[in-house]
Protein backbone atom coordinates (compact mmCIF):
# COMPACT_ATOMS: atom_id res chain seq x y z
CA MET A 1 -52.70 -104.23 166.71
CA ALA A 2 -52.43 -107.02 164.12
CA GLU A 3 -53.35 -105.85 160.61
CA HIS A 4 -53.56 -102.17 161.50
CA ARG A 5 -49.95 -102.11 162.67
CA GLN A 6 -48.85 -103.04 159.16
CA SER A 7 -51.23 -100.77 157.29
CA ARG A 8 -53.62 -98.21 158.75
CA LYS A 9 -55.93 -98.71 155.76
CA ARG A 10 -56.47 -102.35 156.74
CA ARG A 11 -56.89 -101.77 160.46
CA TYR A 12 -60.28 -103.43 160.83
CA ILE A 13 -60.16 -106.07 158.12
CA THR A 14 -59.69 -108.68 160.81
CA TRP A 15 -62.30 -107.34 163.25
CA GLY A 16 -64.72 -110.10 162.33
CA VAL A 17 -62.26 -112.84 163.18
CA ALA A 18 -61.11 -111.38 166.47
CA GLY A 19 -62.89 -113.35 168.65
CA ALA A 20 -44.95 -120.94 174.27
CA ALA A 21 -47.12 -122.14 175.84
CA VAL A 22 -46.25 -124.47 178.64
CA LEU A 23 -47.94 -126.27 181.50
CA ALA A 24 -48.92 -124.58 184.73
CA GLY A 25 -46.19 -122.54 186.35
CA ALA A 26 -43.52 -123.65 183.90
CA GLY A 27 -43.38 -120.72 181.47
CA ILE A 28 -40.30 -119.04 182.86
CA ALA A 29 -38.57 -122.28 183.77
CA ALA A 30 -39.00 -123.63 180.26
CA GLN A 31 -37.31 -120.58 178.80
CA ASN A 32 -34.52 -120.57 181.36
CA SER A 33 -33.71 -124.21 180.66
CA MET A 34 -33.11 -123.46 176.99
CA ALA A 35 -29.77 -121.83 177.65
CA ALA A 36 -26.70 -122.94 179.57
CA THR A 37 -26.08 -119.40 180.78
CA THR A 38 -27.78 -117.93 183.84
CA TRP A 39 -30.87 -115.98 182.87
CA PRO A 40 -31.53 -112.50 184.27
CA ALA A 41 -34.58 -112.40 186.51
CA GLN A 42 -37.80 -111.71 184.66
CA LYS A 43 -39.22 -108.20 185.02
CA THR A 44 -42.99 -108.57 185.26
CA TYR A 45 -45.63 -105.87 184.94
CA THR A 46 -49.25 -106.42 185.95
CA GLY A 47 -51.74 -103.72 185.00
CA ARG A 48 -52.96 -101.70 182.03
CA ALA A 49 -50.78 -101.29 178.96
CA PHE A 50 -51.34 -99.52 175.66
CA ASP A 51 -49.98 -100.01 172.19
CA ALA A 52 -49.91 -97.38 169.46
CA CYS A 53 -48.73 -97.68 165.89
CA THR A 54 -46.03 -95.05 166.42
CA ALA A 55 -44.12 -94.53 169.65
CA PRO A 56 -45.39 -91.23 171.13
CA SER A 57 -43.16 -88.27 171.83
CA LEU A 58 -41.27 -88.13 175.11
CA ALA A 59 -43.41 -85.18 176.21
CA ALA A 60 -46.57 -87.18 175.57
CA MET A 61 -45.18 -90.17 177.44
CA LYS A 62 -44.34 -88.01 180.45
CA ALA A 63 -47.82 -86.49 180.45
CA TRP A 64 -49.52 -89.85 180.14
CA LYS A 65 -47.42 -91.31 182.93
CA THR A 66 -48.46 -88.52 185.26
CA ASN A 67 -52.08 -89.37 184.50
CA GLY A 68 -51.44 -92.86 185.86
CA PHE A 69 -54.03 -94.88 183.92
CA TYR A 70 -51.42 -96.93 182.05
CA GLY A 71 -48.15 -98.28 183.36
CA ALA A 72 -46.71 -99.97 180.26
CA ALA A 73 -46.50 -99.33 176.54
CA ALA A 74 -45.81 -101.66 173.62
CA VAL A 75 -43.36 -100.43 171.00
CA TYR A 76 -42.66 -101.79 167.52
CA ILE A 77 -38.93 -102.36 167.49
CA GLY A 78 -38.60 -103.73 163.96
CA GLY A 79 -39.52 -106.17 161.23
CA LYS A 80 -39.98 -105.65 157.49
CA ASN A 81 -43.75 -105.74 157.97
CA ARG A 82 -43.80 -102.97 160.56
CA GLY A 83 -46.30 -100.44 159.24
CA CYS A 84 -45.48 -97.13 160.94
CA THR A 85 -42.38 -95.01 161.09
CA GLN A 86 -40.74 -94.72 164.49
CA ALA A 87 -39.02 -91.34 164.62
CA ASN A 88 -39.24 -91.21 168.42
CA LEU A 89 -38.08 -94.76 169.10
CA THR A 90 -34.39 -94.39 169.95
CA ALA A 91 -32.15 -95.65 172.73
CA SER A 92 -32.38 -92.21 174.32
CA TRP A 93 -36.19 -92.32 174.24
CA VAL A 94 -36.23 -95.79 175.77
CA LYS A 95 -33.90 -94.71 178.56
CA SER A 96 -35.93 -91.56 179.24
CA VAL A 97 -39.35 -93.19 179.36
CA ASN A 98 -37.96 -95.97 181.52
CA ALA A 99 -36.59 -93.33 183.90
CA VAL A 100 -40.04 -91.81 184.40
CA GLY A 101 -41.50 -95.20 185.22
CA TRP A 102 -42.83 -96.70 182.01
CA LYS A 103 -42.51 -100.44 181.42
CA LEU A 104 -41.89 -101.29 177.76
CA ILE A 105 -43.16 -104.23 175.72
CA PRO A 106 -41.01 -104.91 172.62
CA LEU A 107 -42.95 -106.09 169.57
CA TYR A 108 -41.46 -107.35 166.31
CA VAL A 109 -43.49 -107.65 163.09
CA GLY A 110 -41.76 -110.53 161.37
CA ALA A 111 -42.47 -112.51 158.21
CA GLN A 112 -46.04 -113.67 157.74
CA PRO A 113 -47.69 -116.98 156.72
CA PRO A 114 -47.83 -118.06 153.08
CA CYS A 115 -51.63 -118.39 153.12
CA GLN A 116 -52.28 -114.94 154.56
CA THR A 117 -54.35 -112.75 152.26
CA SER A 118 -52.88 -109.35 153.13
CA ARG A 119 -49.97 -107.88 151.22
CA ASN A 120 -46.78 -108.02 153.23
CA PRO A 121 -43.20 -107.22 152.20
CA GLU A 122 -41.92 -110.41 153.81
CA ARG A 123 -43.42 -113.90 153.93
CA PHE A 124 -42.04 -117.35 154.65
CA THR A 125 -42.86 -120.62 152.94
CA ALA A 126 -42.76 -124.21 154.14
CA THR A 127 -39.26 -124.42 152.70
CA THR A 128 -37.93 -121.17 154.18
CA ALA A 129 -39.83 -121.04 157.50
CA ALA A 130 -37.00 -122.22 159.75
CA ALA A 131 -34.32 -120.08 158.11
CA VAL A 132 -36.49 -116.96 158.05
CA GLY A 133 -37.53 -117.50 161.66
CA LYS A 134 -33.87 -117.62 162.67
CA SER A 135 -32.88 -114.53 160.70
CA ASN A 136 -35.90 -112.59 161.95
CA ALA A 137 -35.07 -113.45 165.55
CA GLU A 138 -31.45 -112.40 165.09
CA ASP A 139 -32.64 -109.08 163.69
CA ALA A 140 -35.14 -108.66 166.54
CA VAL A 141 -32.40 -109.19 169.13
CA ALA A 142 -30.13 -106.71 167.36
CA LYS A 143 -32.91 -104.12 167.26
CA ALA A 144 -33.80 -104.64 170.93
CA ALA A 145 -30.16 -104.44 172.03
CA ALA A 146 -29.60 -101.24 170.02
CA LEU A 147 -32.50 -99.66 171.92
CA GLY A 148 -31.00 -100.61 175.26
CA MET A 149 -33.28 -103.57 175.94
CA LYS A 150 -30.98 -106.05 177.64
CA PRO A 151 -30.81 -109.87 177.55
CA GLY A 152 -33.60 -111.30 179.65
CA SER A 153 -36.09 -108.98 177.97
CA PRO A 154 -39.04 -110.47 176.09
CA ILE A 155 -39.64 -109.93 172.39
CA TYR A 156 -43.21 -110.49 171.21
CA LEU A 157 -43.60 -111.76 167.66
CA ASN A 158 -46.56 -110.13 165.86
CA MET A 159 -48.27 -112.91 163.89
CA GLU A 160 -51.24 -111.83 161.78
CA SER A 161 -54.46 -113.73 161.16
CA TYR A 162 -54.34 -116.66 158.76
CA ASP A 163 -56.36 -119.79 158.05
CA ILE A 164 -55.22 -122.15 160.78
CA THR A 165 -57.37 -124.92 159.29
CA ASN A 166 -54.98 -124.93 156.32
CA LYS A 167 -52.65 -127.62 157.66
CA ALA A 168 -49.73 -126.93 155.36
CA CYS A 169 -49.85 -123.23 156.17
CA ASN A 170 -50.27 -123.83 159.89
CA ASP A 171 -47.40 -126.32 159.97
CA ALA A 172 -45.13 -123.81 158.21
CA THR A 173 -46.18 -121.08 160.63
CA LEU A 174 -45.45 -123.22 163.68
CA MET A 175 -42.06 -124.10 162.19
CA TYR A 176 -41.30 -120.39 161.75
CA VAL A 177 -42.45 -119.53 165.29
CA ARG A 178 -40.41 -122.36 166.80
CA SER A 179 -37.30 -121.24 164.94
CA PHE A 180 -37.83 -117.64 166.03
CA THR A 181 -38.37 -118.71 169.64
CA LYS A 182 -35.39 -121.06 169.76
CA THR A 183 -33.09 -118.39 168.34
CA LEU A 184 -34.28 -115.78 170.85
CA ARG A 185 -33.67 -118.13 173.75
CA ALA A 186 -30.20 -118.99 172.51
CA LYS A 187 -29.43 -115.28 172.77
CA THR A 188 -31.03 -115.07 176.25
CA TYR A 189 -34.15 -113.16 175.21
CA ARG A 190 -37.56 -114.39 176.32
CA ALA A 191 -40.07 -115.26 173.62
CA GLY A 192 -43.67 -114.17 173.28
CA LEU A 193 -46.29 -114.08 170.56
CA TYR A 194 -49.11 -111.66 169.78
CA GLY A 195 -52.05 -112.93 167.75
CA PHE A 196 -55.80 -113.24 167.49
CA SER A 197 -57.61 -115.64 169.79
CA SER A 198 -59.35 -117.09 166.73
CA SER A 199 -56.19 -117.50 164.67
CA SER A 200 -52.46 -117.31 165.40
CA ALA A 201 -52.75 -117.21 169.20
CA LYS A 202 -55.12 -120.15 169.03
CA ALA A 203 -52.65 -122.09 166.87
CA ILE A 204 -49.98 -121.65 169.56
CA ALA A 205 -52.26 -122.37 172.52
CA THR A 206 -53.75 -125.52 171.01
CA ALA A 207 -50.65 -127.01 169.38
CA THR A 208 -50.15 -130.62 170.45
CA ASN A 209 -46.38 -130.44 170.16
CA ARG A 210 -45.24 -127.87 172.74
CA THR A 211 -41.56 -127.92 171.75
CA ASP A 212 -39.96 -124.49 171.28
CA LEU A 213 -43.21 -122.54 171.52
CA PRO A 214 -43.13 -119.03 173.03
CA GLY A 215 -43.35 -118.86 176.81
CA ASN A 216 -45.69 -115.85 176.77
CA LEU A 217 -48.93 -115.37 174.87
CA TRP A 218 -50.59 -112.03 174.09
CA TYR A 219 -54.04 -112.67 172.70
CA ALA A 220 -56.32 -110.22 170.86
CA LEU A 221 -59.92 -110.69 171.93
CA TRP A 222 -61.76 -107.39 171.60
CA ASP A 223 -64.44 -108.01 174.22
CA LYS A 224 -63.67 -104.90 176.33
CA GLN A 225 -62.95 -107.07 179.36
CA TYR A 226 -59.96 -105.96 181.37
CA THR A 227 -58.73 -109.42 182.33
CA THR A 228 -56.21 -112.11 181.46
CA THR A 229 -58.18 -114.88 183.16
CA ALA A 230 -61.96 -114.53 182.93
CA ASP A 231 -62.04 -114.76 179.13
CA TRP A 232 -58.95 -116.96 178.63
CA PRO A 233 -60.26 -119.30 175.91
CA TRP A 234 -57.90 -122.25 176.32
CA ASP A 235 -56.61 -124.72 178.88
CA PRO A 236 -56.37 -122.74 182.15
CA LYS A 237 -53.11 -124.52 182.97
CA LEU A 238 -51.40 -122.82 180.02
CA TYR A 239 -49.45 -119.59 180.33
CA THR A 240 -49.74 -119.19 184.06
CA ASN A 241 -47.11 -117.55 186.30
CA HIS A 242 -47.22 -114.07 184.66
CA SER A 243 -47.20 -115.13 181.01
CA ARG A 244 -50.36 -113.56 179.54
CA GLY A 245 -51.37 -110.34 177.83
CA HIS A 246 -54.85 -109.52 176.54
CA GLN A 247 -55.62 -106.84 173.96
CA TYR A 248 -59.22 -106.14 174.89
CA MET A 249 -60.07 -102.86 173.15
CA VAL A 250 -58.82 -101.13 170.00
CA ASN A 251 -58.87 -97.72 168.33
CA SER A 252 -59.43 -95.82 171.57
CA LYS A 253 -58.77 -92.09 171.06
CA GLU A 254 -57.66 -90.80 174.44
CA THR A 255 -56.46 -87.46 175.77
CA ARG A 256 -54.26 -87.45 178.85
CA GLY A 257 -52.25 -84.51 180.14
CA GLY A 258 -53.12 -82.51 177.03
CA TYR A 259 -51.87 -85.13 174.54
CA THR A 260 -54.25 -87.14 172.36
CA ILE A 261 -53.19 -90.57 171.11
CA THR A 262 -55.16 -93.38 169.47
CA VAL A 263 -54.26 -96.57 171.29
CA ASP A 264 -55.28 -100.15 171.88
CA ARG A 265 -55.86 -101.20 175.48
CA ASN A 266 -54.32 -104.27 177.05
CA ALA A 267 -54.60 -106.14 180.32
CA TRP A 268 -51.03 -107.18 181.10
CA ASP A 269 -49.53 -109.82 183.36
CA ALA A 270 -46.32 -110.81 181.62
CA PRO A 271 -42.65 -109.90 181.10
CA VAL A 272 -41.51 -106.42 180.05
CA ALA A 273 -38.16 -105.16 178.84
CA LEU A 274 -35.06 -104.90 181.00
CA VAL A 275 -33.64 -101.47 180.20
CA GLY A 276 -30.20 -100.19 180.98
C-alpha cells in the first residue's frame, strides 16, 4: 500500500524501509470512552484481507468471494493524496459486495508529513497539523457515510514513510494523527492507522504520550508471514483485543474465478465497516 497507493510509479521506493495504541485489552474501551453517545458494537473480521489500488468490479468481487481465500477487502474512500481513480466505489457497490459476504476496510489517504520526500498534493506543517487533521477527518467521515459505512465503522489513516528521527517532523505528524483521531471519535467512527513498521506505524506504537492515538494499528512488514502476533515488533500489550492488521506481502498478481487482480495480502484481526 503506502507509496504505491499514491503513485504506481513509486510503488517500491519504500521497499527498503519496510521492515492508538492502548494498553492490553483497552483498544475498544478507549475509543468508546471518547464520546458521550453509545457506540455501536464493533464488527471484527479475523482472516485474510486484500487491498488493491482500485476497487475491483462487482463481478470480480463476486468471483473472488466464491473462491474463498479472502474474506475482506480494503478500499480507498478518499483523501487528496489517493492515487487511483475509484469508478467502482459507490454506495451501491458497497451494499452489493457486503451482501455477498465481503467485509470492507475503509482507508483514507490524508495529508502527509512535512519532511516526507515524495510529492503529494496535500501536506501539513507544524502550524497547520491540528487544523488539517480535523478537516481531513471530517472529510473522511463524510466520504464513509456517503458510501453507506455507518457510525461505529473504522477509518484507517494512510500515513506514508517519513524520517521519524526528525523530531520536529515527528511531533507535527503525531499532532496531525491525534487531531484526526479525536475528530473521528467525536463523530462516532473508530480510528486506525496504516503505516510501515519502520516508520509511521513505529511512531504510533512507540509514542510515550498515548493520548488520542488510533485504537487500531495496521502495520506494513513485508515478511510474507501470515500473522498479527508472531512478528509484532512492539510491546505485546499494545493493540490487543482485535486491533491489529498486518500487510505481509505486496504486488501479488492473482487470478480467482477468472478475474486477475494485483493485490497486497494482509493478515487481519481488527474492525471492519458497518454497512447499511
